[in-house]
mmCIF file of all heavy atoms, coordinates in Angstrom:
data_MODEL
# 
_entry.id   MODEL 
# 
loop_
_atom_site.group_PDB 
_atom_site.id 
_atom_site.type_symbol 
_atom_site.label_atom_id 
_atom_site.label_alt_id 
_atom_site.label_comp_id 
_atom_site.label_asym_id 
_atom_site.label_entity_id 
_atom_site.label_seq_id 
_atom_site.pdbx_PDB_ins_code 
_atom_site.Cartn_x 
_atom_site.Cartn_y 
_atom_site.Cartn_z 
_atom_site.occupancy 
_atom_site.B_iso_or_equiv 
_atom_site.pdbx_formal_charge 
_atom_site.auth_seq_id 
_atom_site.auth_comp_id 
_atom_site.auth_asym_id 
_atom_site.auth_atom_id 
_atom_site.pdbx_PDB_model_num 
ATOM 1   N N   . LYS A 1 1  ? 85.464  111.873 91.404  1.00 0.00 ? 1  LYS A N   1 
ATOM 2   C CA  . LYS A 1 1  ? 84.096  111.351 91.371  1.00 0.00 ? 1  LYS A CA  1 
ATOM 3   C C   . LYS A 1 1  ? 83.392  111.608 90.037  1.00 0.00 ? 1  LYS A C   1 
ATOM 4   O O   . LYS A 1 1  ? 82.406  110.942 89.718  1.00 0.00 ? 1  LYS A O   1 
ATOM 5   C CB  . LYS A 1 1  ? 83.279  111.956 92.512  1.00 0.00 ? 1  LYS A CB  1 
ATOM 6   C CG  . LYS A 1 1  ? 83.079  113.460 92.433  1.00 0.00 ? 1  LYS A CG  1 
ATOM 7   C CD  . LYS A 1 1  ? 82.316  113.955 93.642  1.00 0.00 ? 1  LYS A CD  1 
ATOM 8   C CE  . LYS A 1 1  ? 82.099  115.463 93.605  1.00 0.00 ? 1  LYS A CE  1 
ATOM 9   N NZ  . LYS A 1 1  ? 81.344  115.941 94.798  1.00 0.00 ? 1  LYS A NZ  1 
ATOM 10  N N   . ASN A 1 2  ? 83.909  112.528 89.248  1.00 0.00 ? 2  ASN A N   1 
ATOM 11  C CA  . ASN A 1 2  ? 83.251  112.856 87.979  1.00 0.00 ? 2  ASN A CA  1 
ATOM 12  C C   . ASN A 1 2  ? 83.978  112.325 86.748  1.00 0.00 ? 2  ASN A C   1 
ATOM 13  O O   . ASN A 1 2  ? 83.705  112.744 85.629  1.00 0.00 ? 2  ASN A O   1 
ATOM 14  C CB  . ASN A 1 2  ? 83.090  114.380 87.859  1.00 0.00 ? 2  ASN A CB  1 
ATOM 15  C CG  . ASN A 1 2  ? 82.064  114.918 88.840  1.00 0.00 ? 2  ASN A CG  1 
ATOM 16  O OD1 . ASN A 1 2  ? 81.045  114.279 89.096  1.00 0.00 ? 2  ASN A OD1 1 
ATOM 17  N ND2 . ASN A 1 2  ? 82.334  116.086 89.411  1.00 0.00 ? 2  ASN A ND2 1 
ATOM 18  N N   . ARG A 1 3  ? 84.916  111.418 86.967  1.00 0.00 ? 3  ARG A N   1 
ATOM 19  C CA  . ARG A 1 3  ? 85.600  110.780 85.837  1.00 0.00 ? 3  ARG A CA  1 
ATOM 20  C C   . ARG A 1 3  ? 86.011  109.374 86.258  1.00 0.00 ? 3  ARG A C   1 
ATOM 21  O O   . ARG A 1 3  ? 86.151  109.089 87.454  1.00 0.00 ? 3  ARG A O   1 
ATOM 22  C CB  . ARG A 1 3  ? 86.830  111.581 85.415  1.00 0.00 ? 3  ARG A CB  1 
ATOM 23  C CG  . ARG A 1 3  ? 87.911  111.695 86.476  1.00 0.00 ? 3  ARG A CG  1 
ATOM 24  C CD  . ARG A 1 3  ? 89.092  112.500 85.978  1.00 0.00 ? 3  ARG A CD  1 
ATOM 25  N NE  . ARG A 1 3  ? 90.063  112.764 87.046  1.00 0.00 ? 3  ARG A NE  1 
ATOM 26  C CZ  . ARG A 1 3  ? 91.147  113.520 86.896  1.00 0.00 ? 3  ARG A CZ  1 
ATOM 27  N NH1 . ARG A 1 3  ? 91.399  114.088 85.724  1.00 0.00 ? 3  ARG A NH1 1 
ATOM 28  N NH2 . ARG A 1 3  ? 91.970  113.715 87.909  1.00 0.00 ? 3  ARG A NH2 1 
ATOM 29  N N   . PRO A 1 4  ? 86.219  108.475 85.313  1.00 0.00 ? 4  PRO A N   1 
ATOM 30  C CA  . PRO A 1 4  ? 86.629  107.107 85.666  1.00 0.00 ? 4  PRO A CA  1 
ATOM 31  C C   . PRO A 1 4  ? 87.993  107.110 86.350  1.00 0.00 ? 4  PRO A C   1 
ATOM 32  O O   . PRO A 1 4  ? 88.909  107.823 85.923  1.00 0.00 ? 4  PRO A O   1 
ATOM 33  C CB  . PRO A 1 4  ? 86.687  106.388 84.320  1.00 0.00 ? 4  PRO A CB  1 
ATOM 34  C CG  . PRO A 1 4  ? 85.885  107.223 83.389  1.00 0.00 ? 4  PRO A CG  1 
ATOM 35  C CD  . PRO A 1 4  ? 86.026  108.639 83.860  1.00 0.00 ? 4  PRO A CD  1 
ATOM 36  N N   . PHE A 1 5  ? 88.120  106.319 87.391  1.00 0.00 ? 5  PHE A N   1 
ATOM 37  C CA  . PHE A 1 5  ? 89.407  106.230 88.078  1.00 0.00 ? 5  PHE A CA  1 
ATOM 38  C C   . PHE A 1 5  ? 89.710  104.782 88.448  1.00 0.00 ? 5  PHE A C   1 
ATOM 39  O O   . PHE A 1 5  ? 88.812  103.954 88.617  1.00 0.00 ? 5  PHE A O   1 
ATOM 40  C CB  . PHE A 1 5  ? 89.441  107.114 89.327  1.00 0.00 ? 5  PHE A CB  1 
ATOM 41  C CG  . PHE A 1 5  ? 88.479  106.716 90.424  1.00 0.00 ? 5  PHE A CG  1 
ATOM 42  C CD1 . PHE A 1 5  ? 88.810  105.751 91.367  1.00 0.00 ? 5  PHE A CD1 1 
ATOM 43  C CD2 . PHE A 1 5  ? 87.232  107.324 90.524  1.00 0.00 ? 5  PHE A CD2 1 
ATOM 44  C CE1 . PHE A 1 5  ? 87.921  105.391 92.373  1.00 0.00 ? 5  PHE A CE1 1 
ATOM 45  C CE2 . PHE A 1 5  ? 86.326  106.973 91.516  1.00 0.00 ? 5  PHE A CE2 1 
ATOM 46  C CZ  . PHE A 1 5  ? 86.682  105.995 92.453  1.00 0.00 ? 5  PHE A CZ  1 
ATOM 47  N N   . PHE A 1 6  ? 91.001  104.499 88.550  1.00 0.00 ? 6  PHE A N   1 
ATOM 48  C CA  . PHE A 1 6  ? 91.502  103.217 89.033  1.00 0.00 ? 6  PHE A CA  1 
ATOM 49  C C   . PHE A 1 6  ? 92.382  103.493 90.237  1.00 0.00 ? 6  PHE A C   1 
ATOM 50  O O   . PHE A 1 6  ? 93.389  104.190 90.133  1.00 0.00 ? 6  PHE A O   1 
ATOM 51  C CB  . PHE A 1 6  ? 92.301  102.494 87.950  1.00 0.00 ? 6  PHE A CB  1 
ATOM 52  C CG  . PHE A 1 6  ? 93.075  101.284 88.439  1.00 0.00 ? 6  PHE A CG  1 
ATOM 53  C CD1 . PHE A 1 6  ? 92.490  100.345 89.274  1.00 0.00 ? 6  PHE A CD1 1 
ATOM 54  C CD2 . PHE A 1 6  ? 94.399  101.081 88.044  1.00 0.00 ? 6  PHE A CD2 1 
ATOM 55  C CE1 . PHE A 1 6  ? 93.201  99.236  89.716  1.00 0.00 ? 6  PHE A CE1 1 
ATOM 56  C CE2 . PHE A 1 6  ? 95.116  99.959  88.465  1.00 0.00 ? 6  PHE A CE2 1 
ATOM 57  C CZ  . PHE A 1 6  ? 94.514  99.039  89.305  1.00 0.00 ? 6  PHE A CZ  1 
ATOM 58  N N   . LEU A 1 7  ? 91.976  102.983 91.388  1.00 0.00 ? 7  LEU A N   1 
ATOM 59  C CA  . LEU A 1 7  ? 92.731  103.147 92.627  1.00 0.00 ? 7  LEU A CA  1 
ATOM 60  C C   . LEU A 1 7  ? 93.266  101.791 93.074  1.00 0.00 ? 7  LEU A C   1 
ATOM 61  O O   . LEU A 1 7  ? 92.487  100.859 93.298  1.00 0.00 ? 7  LEU A O   1 
ATOM 62  C CB  . LEU A 1 7  ? 91.836  103.745 93.717  1.00 0.00 ? 7  LEU A CB  1 
ATOM 63  C CG  . LEU A 1 7  ? 92.408  103.742 95.145  1.00 0.00 ? 7  LEU A CG  1 
ATOM 64  C CD1 . LEU A 1 7  ? 93.680  104.571 95.229  1.00 0.00 ? 7  LEU A CD1 1 
ATOM 65  C CD2 . LEU A 1 7  ? 91.354  104.252 96.137  1.00 0.00 ? 7  LEU A CD2 1 
ATOM 66  N N   . TYR A 1 8  ? 94.568  101.681 93.193  1.00 0.00 ? 8  TYR A N   1 
ATOM 67  C CA  . TYR A 1 8  ? 95.223  100.487 93.710  1.00 0.00 ? 8  TYR A CA  1 
ATOM 68  C C   . TYR A 1 8  ? 95.671  100.799 95.127  1.00 0.00 ? 8  TYR A C   1 
ATOM 69  O O   . TYR A 1 8  ? 96.662  101.492 95.335  1.00 0.00 ? 8  TYR A O   1 
ATOM 70  C CB  . TYR A 1 8  ? 96.400  100.116 92.812  1.00 0.00 ? 8  TYR A CB  1 
ATOM 71  C CG  . TYR A 1 8  ? 97.275  98.976  93.296  1.00 0.00 ? 8  TYR A CG  1 
ATOM 72  C CD1 . TYR A 1 8  ? 96.768  97.924  94.055  1.00 0.00 ? 8  TYR A CD1 1 
ATOM 73  C CD2 . TYR A 1 8  ? 98.624  98.934  92.949  1.00 0.00 ? 8  TYR A CD2 1 
ATOM 74  C CE1 . TYR A 1 8  ? 97.579  96.884  94.472  1.00 0.00 ? 8  TYR A CE1 1 
ATOM 75  C CE2 . TYR A 1 8  ? 99.449  97.887  93.356  1.00 0.00 ? 8  TYR A CE2 1 
ATOM 76  C CZ  . TYR A 1 8  ? 98.927  96.876  94.120  1.00 0.00 ? 8  TYR A CZ  1 
ATOM 77  O OH  . TYR A 1 8  ? 99.738  95.836  94.531  1.00 0.00 ? 8  TYR A OH  1 
ATOM 78  N N   . LEU A 1 9  ? 94.906  100.316 96.114  1.00 0.00 ? 9  LEU A N   1 
ATOM 79  C CA  . LEU A 1 9  ? 95.217  100.532 97.525  1.00 0.00 ? 9  LEU A CA  1 
ATOM 80  C C   . LEU A 1 9  ? 95.922  99.278  98.042  1.00 0.00 ? 9  LEU A C   1 
ATOM 81  O O   . LEU A 1 9  ? 95.282  98.258  98.313  1.00 0.00 ? 9  LEU A O   1 
ATOM 82  C CB  . LEU A 1 9  ? 93.939  100.821 98.323  1.00 0.00 ? 9  LEU A CB  1 
ATOM 83  C CG  . LEU A 1 9  ? 94.071  100.889 99.851  1.00 0.00 ? 9  LEU A CG  1 
ATOM 84  C CD1 . LEU A 1 9  ? 95.149  101.869 100.282 1.00 0.00 ? 9  LEU A CD1 1 
ATOM 85  C CD2 . LEU A 1 9  ? 92.724  101.239 100.484 1.00 0.00 ? 9  LEU A CD2 1 
ATOM 86  N N   . ALA A 1 10 ? 97.224  99.354  98.146  1.00 0.00 ? 10 ALA A N   1 
ATOM 87  C CA  . ALA A 1 10 ? 98.054  98.200  98.497  1.00 0.00 ? 10 ALA A CA  1 
ATOM 88  C C   . ALA A 1 10 ? 98.500  98.327  99.950  1.00 0.00 ? 10 ALA A C   1 
ATOM 89  O O   . ALA A 1 10 ? 99.544  98.905  100.263 1.00 0.00 ? 10 ALA A O   1 
ATOM 90  C CB  . ALA A 1 10 ? 99.267  98.114  97.569  1.00 0.00 ? 10 ALA A CB  1 
ATOM 91  N N   . HIS A 1 11 ? 97.672  97.800  100.842 1.00 0.00 ? 11 HIS A N   1 
ATOM 92  C CA  . HIS A 1 11 ? 97.955  97.919  102.271 1.00 0.00 ? 11 HIS A CA  1 
ATOM 93  C C   . HIS A 1 11 ? 99.213  97.154  102.662 1.00 0.00 ? 11 HIS A C   1 
ATOM 94  O O   . HIS A 1 11 ? 99.562  96.132  102.056 1.00 0.00 ? 11 HIS A O   1 
ATOM 95  C CB  . HIS A 1 11 ? 96.773  97.402  103.086 1.00 0.00 ? 11 HIS A CB  1 
ATOM 96  C CG  . HIS A 1 11 ? 95.694  98.418  103.299 1.00 0.00 ? 11 HIS A CG  1 
ATOM 97  N ND1 . HIS A 1 11 ? 95.929  99.620  103.919 1.00 0.00 ? 11 HIS A ND1 1 
ATOM 98  C CD2 . HIS A 1 11 ? 94.369  98.400  102.992 1.00 0.00 ? 11 HIS A CD2 1 
ATOM 99  C CE1 . HIS A 1 11 ? 94.796  100.313 103.978 1.00 0.00 ? 11 HIS A CE1 1 
ATOM 100 N NE2 . HIS A 1 11 ? 93.836  99.592  103.413 1.00 0.00 ? 11 HIS A NE2 1 
ATOM 101 N N   . TRP A 1 12 ? 99.886  97.637  103.697 1.00 0.00 ? 12 TRP A N   1 
ATOM 102 C CA  . TRP A 1 12 ? 100.999 96.942  104.330 1.00 0.00 ? 12 TRP A CA  1 
ATOM 103 C C   . TRP A 1 12 ? 100.465 95.972  105.388 1.00 0.00 ? 12 TRP A C   1 
ATOM 104 O O   . TRP A 1 12 ? 101.057 94.941  105.662 1.00 0.00 ? 12 TRP A O   1 
ATOM 105 C CB  . TRP A 1 12 ? 101.937 97.959  104.936 1.00 0.00 ? 12 TRP A CB  1 
ATOM 106 C CG  . TRP A 1 12 ? 103.210 97.544  105.605 1.00 0.00 ? 12 TRP A CG  1 
ATOM 107 C CD1 . TRP A 1 12 ? 103.682 98.032  106.791 1.00 0.00 ? 12 TRP A CD1 1 
ATOM 108 C CD2 . TRP A 1 12 ? 104.226 96.638  105.147 1.00 0.00 ? 12 TRP A CD2 1 
ATOM 109 N NE1 . TRP A 1 12 ? 104.907 97.491  107.096 1.00 0.00 ? 12 TRP A NE1 1 
ATOM 110 C CE2 . TRP A 1 12 ? 105.258 96.623  106.096 1.00 0.00 ? 12 TRP A CE2 1 
ATOM 111 C CE3 . TRP A 1 12 ? 104.342 95.824  104.029 1.00 0.00 ? 12 TRP A CE3 1 
ATOM 112 C CZ2 . TRP A 1 12 ? 106.408 95.831  105.960 1.00 0.00 ? 12 TRP A CZ2 1 
ATOM 113 C CZ3 . TRP A 1 12 ? 105.481 95.036  103.885 1.00 0.00 ? 12 TRP A CZ3 1 
ATOM 114 C CH2 . TRP A 1 12 ? 106.502 95.048  104.843 1.00 0.00 ? 12 TRP A CH2 1 
ATOM 115 N N   . GLY A 1 13 ? 99.345  96.289  105.988 1.00 0.00 ? 13 GLY A N   1 
ATOM 116 C CA  . GLY A 1 13 ? 98.738  95.407  106.978 1.00 0.00 ? 13 GLY A CA  1 
ATOM 117 C C   . GLY A 1 13 ? 98.287  94.110  106.352 1.00 0.00 ? 13 GLY A C   1 
ATOM 118 O O   . GLY A 1 13 ? 97.700  94.121  105.266 1.00 0.00 ? 13 GLY A O   1 
ATOM 119 N N   . THR A 1 14 ? 98.605  92.975  106.943 1.00 0.00 ? 14 THR A N   1 
ATOM 120 C CA  . THR A 1 14 ? 99.035  92.826  108.325 1.00 0.00 ? 14 THR A CA  1 
ATOM 121 C C   . THR A 1 14 ? 100.487 92.325  108.431 1.00 0.00 ? 14 THR A C   1 
ATOM 122 O O   . THR A 1 14 ? 100.830 91.552  109.334 1.00 0.00 ? 14 THR A O   1 
ATOM 123 C CB  . THR A 1 14 ? 98.124  91.818  109.046 1.00 0.00 ? 14 THR A CB  1 
ATOM 124 O OG1 . THR A 1 14 ? 98.118  90.584  108.261 1.00 0.00 ? 14 THR A OG1 1 
ATOM 125 C CG2 . THR A 1 14 ? 96.712  92.322  109.139 1.00 0.00 ? 14 THR A CG2 1 
ATOM 126 N N   . HIS A 1 15 ? 101.317 92.746  107.503 1.00 0.00 ? 15 HIS A N   1 
ATOM 127 C CA  . HIS A 1 15 ? 102.726 92.331  107.486 1.00 0.00 ? 15 HIS A CA  1 
ATOM 128 C C   . HIS A 1 15 ? 103.430 92.798  108.754 1.00 0.00 ? 15 HIS A C   1 
ATOM 129 O O   . HIS A 1 15 ? 103.105 93.843  109.322 1.00 0.00 ? 15 HIS A O   1 
ATOM 130 C CB  . HIS A 1 15 ? 103.404 92.940  106.257 1.00 0.00 ? 15 HIS A CB  1 
ATOM 131 C CG  . HIS A 1 15 ? 104.678 92.288  105.851 1.00 0.00 ? 15 HIS A CG  1 
ATOM 132 N ND1 . HIS A 1 15 ? 105.824 92.339  106.623 1.00 0.00 ? 15 HIS A ND1 1 
ATOM 133 C CD2 . HIS A 1 15 ? 105.004 91.565  104.752 1.00 0.00 ? 15 HIS A CD2 1 
ATOM 134 C CE1 . HIS A 1 15 ? 106.802 91.691  106.003 1.00 0.00 ? 15 HIS A CE1 1 
ATOM 135 N NE2 . HIS A 1 15 ? 106.336 91.197  104.872 1.00 0.00 ? 15 HIS A NE2 1 
ATOM 136 N N   . THR A 1 16 ? 104.422 92.013  109.197 1.00 0.00 ? 16 THR A N   1 
ATOM 137 C CA  . THR A 1 16 ? 105.275 92.455  110.296 1.00 0.00 ? 16 THR A CA  1 
ATOM 138 C C   . THR A 1 16 ? 106.143 93.625  109.841 1.00 0.00 ? 16 THR A C   1 
ATOM 139 O O   . THR A 1 16 ? 106.393 93.775  108.636 1.00 0.00 ? 16 THR A O   1 
ATOM 140 C CB  . THR A 1 16 ? 106.190 91.299  110.759 1.00 0.00 ? 16 THR A CB  1 
ATOM 141 O OG1 . THR A 1 16 ? 106.880 90.767  109.615 1.00 0.00 ? 16 THR A OG1 1 
ATOM 142 C CG2 . THR A 1 16 ? 105.386 90.201  111.426 1.00 0.00 ? 16 THR A CG2 1 
ATOM 143 N N   . PRO A 1 17 ? 106.594 94.490  110.759 1.00 0.00 ? 17 PRO A N   1 
ATOM 144 C CA  . PRO A 1 17 ? 106.521 94.377  112.212 1.00 0.00 ? 17 PRO A CA  1 
ATOM 145 C C   . PRO A 1 17 ? 105.106 94.640  112.742 1.00 0.00 ? 17 PRO A C   1 
ATOM 146 O O   . PRO A 1 17 ? 104.381 95.480  112.192 1.00 0.00 ? 17 PRO A O   1 
ATOM 147 C CB  . PRO A 1 17 ? 107.508 95.435  112.696 1.00 0.00 ? 17 PRO A CB  1 
ATOM 148 C CG  . PRO A 1 17 ? 107.495 96.480  111.624 1.00 0.00 ? 17 PRO A CG  1 
ATOM 149 C CD  . PRO A 1 17 ? 107.328 95.710  110.337 1.00 0.00 ? 17 PRO A CD  1 
ATOM 150 N N   . LEU A 1 18 ? 104.743 93.901  113.794 1.00 0.00 ? 18 LEU A N   1 
ATOM 151 C CA  . LEU A 1 18 ? 103.398 94.027  114.338 1.00 0.00 ? 18 LEU A CA  1 
ATOM 152 C C   . LEU A 1 18 ? 103.284 95.313  115.144 1.00 0.00 ? 18 LEU A C   1 
ATOM 153 O O   . LEU A 1 18 ? 103.939 95.479  116.179 1.00 0.00 ? 18 LEU A O   1 
ATOM 154 C CB  . LEU A 1 18 ? 103.071 92.812  115.212 1.00 0.00 ? 18 LEU A CB  1 
ATOM 155 C CG  . LEU A 1 18 ? 103.087 91.452  114.515 1.00 0.00 ? 18 LEU A CG  1 
ATOM 156 C CD1 . LEU A 1 18 ? 102.672 90.351  115.494 1.00 0.00 ? 18 LEU A CD1 1 
ATOM 157 C CD2 . LEU A 1 18 ? 102.187 91.436  113.281 1.00 0.00 ? 18 LEU A CD2 1 
ATOM 158 N N   . GLN A 1 19 ? 102.440 96.214  114.638 1.00 0.00 ? 19 GLN A N   1 
ATOM 159 C CA  . GLN A 1 19 ? 102.198 97.496  115.301 1.00 0.00 ? 19 GLN A CA  1 
ATOM 160 C C   . GLN A 1 19 ? 100.724 97.855  115.146 1.00 0.00 ? 19 GLN A C   1 
ATOM 161 O O   . GLN A 1 19 ? 100.195 97.835  114.031 1.00 0.00 ? 19 GLN A O   1 
ATOM 162 C CB  . GLN A 1 19 ? 103.042 98.619  114.678 1.00 0.00 ? 19 GLN A CB  1 
ATOM 163 C CG  . GLN A 1 19 ? 104.537 98.484  114.887 1.00 0.00 ? 19 GLN A CG  1 
ATOM 164 C CD  . GLN A 1 19 ? 105.265 99.707  114.339 1.00 0.00 ? 19 GLN A CD  1 
ATOM 165 O OE1 . GLN A 1 19 ? 105.350 99.894  113.126 1.00 0.00 ? 19 GLN A OE1 1 
ATOM 166 N NE2 . GLN A 1 19 ? 105.757 100.547 115.231 1.00 0.00 ? 19 GLN A NE2 1 
ATOM 167 N N   . ALA A 1 20 ? 100.092 98.182  116.240 1.00 0.00 ? 20 ALA A N   1 
ATOM 168 C CA  . ALA A 1 20 ? 98.689  98.583  116.221 1.00 0.00 ? 20 ALA A CA  1 
ATOM 169 C C   . ALA A 1 20 ? 98.531  99.912  116.934 1.00 0.00 ? 20 ALA A C   1 
ATOM 170 O O   . ALA A 1 20 ? 99.399  100.322 117.719 1.00 0.00 ? 20 ALA A O   1 
ATOM 171 C CB  . ALA A 1 20 ? 97.829  97.520  116.909 1.00 0.00 ? 20 ALA A CB  1 
ATOM 172 N N   . THR A 1 21 ? 97.426  100.586 116.677 1.00 0.00 ? 21 THR A N   1 
ATOM 173 C CA  . THR A 1 21 ? 97.119  101.769 117.461 1.00 0.00 ? 21 THR A CA  1 
ATOM 174 C C   . THR A 1 21 ? 96.638  101.337 118.845 1.00 0.00 ? 21 THR A C   1 
ATOM 175 O O   . THR A 1 21 ? 96.052  100.254 119.009 1.00 0.00 ? 21 THR A O   1 
ATOM 176 C CB  . THR A 1 21 ? 96.031  102.632 116.808 1.00 0.00 ? 21 THR A CB  1 
ATOM 177 O OG1 . THR A 1 21 ? 94.806  101.888 116.779 1.00 0.00 ? 21 THR A OG1 1 
ATOM 178 C CG2 . THR A 1 21 ? 96.424  103.028 115.396 1.00 0.00 ? 21 THR A CG2 1 
ATOM 179 N N   . ARG A 1 22 ? 96.853  102.167 119.815 1.00 0.00 ? 22 ARG A N   1 
ATOM 180 C CA  . ARG A 1 22 ? 96.420  101.831 121.169 1.00 0.00 ? 22 ARG A CA  1 
ATOM 181 C C   . ARG A 1 22 ? 94.897  101.690 121.232 1.00 0.00 ? 22 ARG A C   1 
ATOM 182 O O   . ARG A 1 22 ? 94.374  100.837 121.951 1.00 0.00 ? 22 ARG A O   1 
ATOM 183 C CB  . ARG A 1 22 ? 96.905  102.914 122.148 1.00 0.00 ? 22 ARG A CB  1 
ATOM 184 C CG  . ARG A 1 22 ? 96.751  102.532 123.608 1.00 0.00 ? 22 ARG A CG  1 
ATOM 185 C CD  . ARG A 1 22 ? 97.598  103.430 124.483 1.00 0.00 ? 22 ARG A CD  1 
ATOM 186 N NE  . ARG A 1 22 ? 99.011  103.315 124.186 1.00 0.00 ? 22 ARG A NE  1 
ATOM 187 C CZ  . ARG A 1 22 ? 99.800  102.319 124.620 1.00 0.00 ? 22 ARG A CZ  1 
ATOM 188 N NH1 . ARG A 1 22 ? 99.283  101.350 125.354 1.00 0.00 ? 22 ARG A NH1 1 
ATOM 189 N NH2 . ARG A 1 22 ? 101.074 102.304 124.318 1.00 0.00 ? 22 ARG A NH2 1 
ATOM 190 N N   . GLU A 1 23 ? 94.194  102.493 120.448 1.00 0.00 ? 23 GLU A N   1 
ATOM 191 C CA  . GLU A 1 23 ? 92.728  102.414 120.427 1.00 0.00 ? 23 GLU A CA  1 
ATOM 192 C C   . GLU A 1 23 ? 92.260  101.047 119.929 1.00 0.00 ? 23 GLU A C   1 
ATOM 193 O O   . GLU A 1 23 ? 91.370  100.427 120.532 1.00 0.00 ? 23 GLU A O   1 
ATOM 194 C CB  . GLU A 1 23 ? 92.158  103.519 119.527 1.00 0.00 ? 23 GLU A CB  1 
ATOM 195 C CG  . GLU A 1 23 ? 90.649  103.492 119.418 1.00 0.00 ? 23 GLU A CG  1 
ATOM 196 C CD  . GLU A 1 23 ? 90.125  104.554 118.465 1.00 0.00 ? 23 GLU A CD  1 
ATOM 197 O OE1 . GLU A 1 23 ? 90.933  105.354 117.955 1.00 0.00 ? 23 GLU A OE1 1 
ATOM 198 O OE2 . GLU A 1 23 ? 88.897  104.572 118.220 1.00 0.00 ? 23 GLU A OE2 1 
ATOM 199 N N   . ASP A 1 24 ? 92.852  100.551 118.843 1.00 0.00 ? 24 ASP A N   1 
ATOM 200 C CA  . ASP A 1 24 ? 92.468  99.232  118.339 1.00 0.00 ? 24 ASP A CA  1 
ATOM 201 C C   . ASP A 1 24 ? 92.895  98.126  119.296 1.00 0.00 ? 24 ASP A C   1 
ATOM 202 O O   . ASP A 1 24 ? 92.177  97.132  119.481 1.00 0.00 ? 24 ASP A O   1 
ATOM 203 C CB  . ASP A 1 24 ? 93.083  98.993  116.956 1.00 0.00 ? 24 ASP A CB  1 
ATOM 204 C CG  . ASP A 1 24 ? 92.378  99.764  115.857 1.00 0.00 ? 24 ASP A CG  1 
ATOM 205 O OD1 . ASP A 1 24 ? 91.165  99.979  115.965 1.00 0.00 ? 24 ASP A OD1 1 
ATOM 206 O OD2 . ASP A 1 24 ? 93.057  100.160 114.890 1.00 0.00 ? 24 ASP A OD2 1 
ATOM 207 N N   . TYR A 1 25 ? 94.053  98.299  119.908 1.00 0.00 ? 25 TYR A N   1 
ATOM 208 C CA  . TYR A 1 25 ? 94.547  97.307  120.859 1.00 0.00 ? 25 TYR A CA  1 
ATOM 209 C C   . TYR A 1 25 ? 93.593  97.165  122.034 1.00 0.00 ? 25 TYR A C   1 
ATOM 210 O O   . TYR A 1 25 ? 93.301  96.047  122.490 1.00 0.00 ? 25 TYR A O   1 
ATOM 211 C CB  . TYR A 1 25 ? 95.945  97.724  121.328 1.00 0.00 ? 25 TYR A CB  1 
ATOM 212 C CG  . TYR A 1 25 ? 96.610  96.788  122.292 1.00 0.00 ? 25 TYR A CG  1 
ATOM 213 C CD1 . TYR A 1 25 ? 97.216  95.617  121.843 1.00 0.00 ? 25 TYR A CD1 1 
ATOM 214 C CD2 . TYR A 1 25 ? 96.653  97.073  123.653 1.00 0.00 ? 25 TYR A CD2 1 
ATOM 215 C CE1 . TYR A 1 25 ? 97.847  94.750  122.735 1.00 0.00 ? 25 TYR A CE1 1 
ATOM 216 C CE2 . TYR A 1 25 ? 97.289  96.224  124.552 1.00 0.00 ? 25 TYR A CE2 1 
ATOM 217 C CZ  . TYR A 1 25 ? 97.875  95.059  124.087 1.00 0.00 ? 25 TYR A CZ  1 
ATOM 218 O OH  . TYR A 1 25 ? 98.494  94.213  124.962 1.00 0.00 ? 25 TYR A OH  1 
ATOM 219 N N   . GLU A 1 26 ? 93.083  98.280  122.526 1.00 0.00 ? 26 GLU A N   1 
ATOM 220 C CA  . GLU A 1 26 ? 92.130  98.231  123.640 1.00 0.00 ? 26 GLU A CA  1 
ATOM 221 C C   . GLU A 1 26 ? 90.789  97.678  123.180 1.00 0.00 ? 26 GLU A C   1 
ATOM 222 O O   . GLU A 1 26 ? 90.109  96.956  123.919 1.00 0.00 ? 26 GLU A O   1 
ATOM 223 C CB  . GLU A 1 26 ? 91.953  99.629  124.238 1.00 0.00 ? 26 GLU A CB  1 
ATOM 224 C CG  . GLU A 1 26 ? 93.206  100.211 124.868 1.00 0.00 ? 26 GLU A CG  1 
ATOM 225 C CD  . GLU A 1 26 ? 93.709  99.402  126.051 1.00 0.00 ? 26 GLU A CD  1 
ATOM 226 O OE1 . GLU A 1 26 ? 92.880  98.733  126.699 1.00 0.00 ? 26 GLU A OE1 1 
ATOM 227 O OE2 . GLU A 1 26 ? 94.925  99.439  126.322 1.00 0.00 ? 26 GLU A OE2 1 
ATOM 228 N N   . ALA A 1 27 ? 90.413  97.982  121.941 1.00 0.00 ? 27 ALA A N   1 
ATOM 229 C CA  . ALA A 1 27 ? 89.079  97.605  121.462 1.00 0.00 ? 27 ALA A CA  1 
ATOM 230 C C   . ALA A 1 27 ? 88.913  96.106  121.295 1.00 0.00 ? 27 ALA A C   1 
ATOM 231 O O   . ALA A 1 27 ? 87.804  95.578  121.454 1.00 0.00 ? 27 ALA A O   1 
ATOM 232 C CB  . ALA A 1 27 ? 88.784  98.311  120.138 1.00 0.00 ? 27 ALA A CB  1 
# 
């Protein structure tokens, strides 16, 4: 937080295989 940063957040979602948490599935 006290210096310049570059963050590359490269999510796998929503690529297969299809897997969700049970909490999100219910929601």
